[in-house]
Amino acid sequence: MVDYKETATDGDGDGMVQDATPFERPIETKVEDKPVVEDKKKPVAKEVTCVISKKNYYLPGVGRLIKGKNEIKPEHADRWLSLDGVEAC
């Protein structure tokens, strides 16, 4: 497939660029500025807190910790830190 070239030149002198393609156009045709499409997805900042657990834990309605370093939601930090073997990073 042939790509659209904004900077195409008239190679054969007939006054047309990109001959015999879907993008064929007169040489004096100005290319309209293409609208800039902004990415509507913005990164969502996750608020997390870090805890270190000495063993695996599970709290219903809160979630699960595995042995080692874990990222948790700040609103759950008090519940996790109340357990033996869990400390803040």
Protein backbone atom coordinates (compact mmCIF):
# COMPACT_ATOMS: atom_id res chain seq x y z
CA MET A 1 0.00 0.00 0.00
CA VAL A 2 1.20 3.50 -0.81
CA ASP A 3 1.58 5.95 2.06
CA TYR A 4 0.43 9.56 1.97
CA LYS A 5 3.43 11.89 1.68
CA GLU A 6 2.98 15.51 2.70
CA THR A 7 6.28 16.48 1.09
CA ALA A 8 5.71 14.68 -2.21
CA THR A 9 7.34 16.29 -5.27
CA ASP A 10 6.36 16.28 -8.93
CA GLY A 11 8.87 13.88 -10.47
CA ASP A 12 7.58 13.86 -14.08
CA GLY A 13 6.62 17.54 -14.48
CA ASP A 14 2.91 16.98 -15.12
CA GLY A 15 1.82 19.16 -12.19
CA MET A 16 0.56 16.25 -10.09
CA VAL A 17 2.17 14.56 -7.10
CA GLN A 18 1.82 10.93 -6.07
CA ASP A 19 0.58 9.95 -9.54
CA ALA A 20 -1.67 6.87 -9.86
CA THR A 21 -2.28 6.60 -6.13
CA PRO A 22 -5.35 7.37 -4.03
CA PHE A 23 -3.43 10.48 -2.87
CA GLU A 24 -2.86 11.98 -6.34
CA ARG A 25 -3.33 15.75 -6.21
CA PRO A 26 -2.20 18.92 -7.99
CA ILE A 27 1.20 20.16 -6.87
CA GLU A 28 -0.12 23.53 -5.69
CA THR A 29 -2.65 21.90 -3.36
CA LYS A 30 -1.78 22.81 0.18
CA VAL A 31 -2.03 20.09 2.72
CA GLU A 32 -4.52 21.00 5.40
CA ASP A 33 -3.22 20.84 8.91
CA LYS A 34 -4.34 17.62 10.44
CA PRO A 35 -6.10 18.16 13.75
CA VAL A 36 -4.05 17.17 16.73
CA VAL A 37 -5.82 14.44 18.60
CA GLU A 38 -5.06 14.58 22.28
CA ASP A 39 -4.88 11.37 24.18
CA LYS A 40 -7.99 11.44 26.32
CA LYS A 41 -6.62 8.80 28.63
CA LYS A 42 -4.67 10.55 31.31
CA PRO A 43 -2.62 8.55 33.71
CA VAL A 44 -4.48 7.95 36.90
CA ALA A 45 -2.33 8.58 39.92
CA LYS A 46 -2.78 5.68 42.27
CA GLU A 47 -2.38 6.52 45.89
CA VAL A 48 -0.61 3.61 47.47
CA THR A 49 1.27 2.89 50.62
CA CYS A 50 3.98 0.32 51.02
CA VAL A 51 4.10 -2.36 53.72
CA ILE A 52 6.39 -5.29 54.37
CA SER A 53 4.80 -8.52 55.52
CA LYS A 54 6.64 -11.38 57.23
CA LYS A 55 4.00 -13.86 56.03
CA ASN A 56 0.89 -14.11 53.85
CA TYR A 57 -2.30 -12.49 55.14
CA TYR A 58 -5.89 -12.16 53.97
CA LEU A 59 -8.48 -9.75 55.33
CA PRO A 60 -12.07 -10.04 54.02
CA GLY A 61 -13.15 -6.82 52.33
CA VAL A 62 -9.59 -5.48 52.32
CA GLY A 63 -7.47 -7.86 50.31
CA ARG A 64 -4.40 -10.01 50.46
CA LEU A 65 -0.76 -9.51 51.42
CA ILE A 66 2.02 -11.82 50.39
CA LYS A 67 5.32 -12.31 52.17
CA GLY A 68 7.60 -9.39 51.32
CA LYS A 69 6.90 -5.92 49.99
CA ASN A 70 3.29 -5.00 49.11
CA GLU A 71 1.54 -1.87 47.83
CA ILE A 72 -1.76 -1.13 49.57
CA LYS A 73 -4.41 1.58 49.47
CA PRO A 74 -3.89 4.26 52.13
CA GLU A 75 -7.39 3.73 53.55
CA HIS A 76 -6.45 0.12 54.39
CA ALA A 77 -3.08 0.93 55.96
CA ASP A 78 -4.37 1.04 59.56
CA ARG A 79 -5.93 -2.42 59.27
CA TRP A 80 -2.81 -3.98 57.76
CA LEU A 81 -0.41 -2.30 60.20
CA SER A 82 -2.45 -3.57 63.15
CA LEU A 83 -1.34 -7.14 62.29
CA ASP A 84 1.79 -8.71 63.83
CA GLY A 85 4.49 -9.08 61.21
CA VAL A 86 3.37 -6.17 59.02
CA GLU A 87 5.32 -2.91 59.04
CA ALA A 88 5.51 0.22 56.92
CA CYS A 89 8.22 0.50 54.26
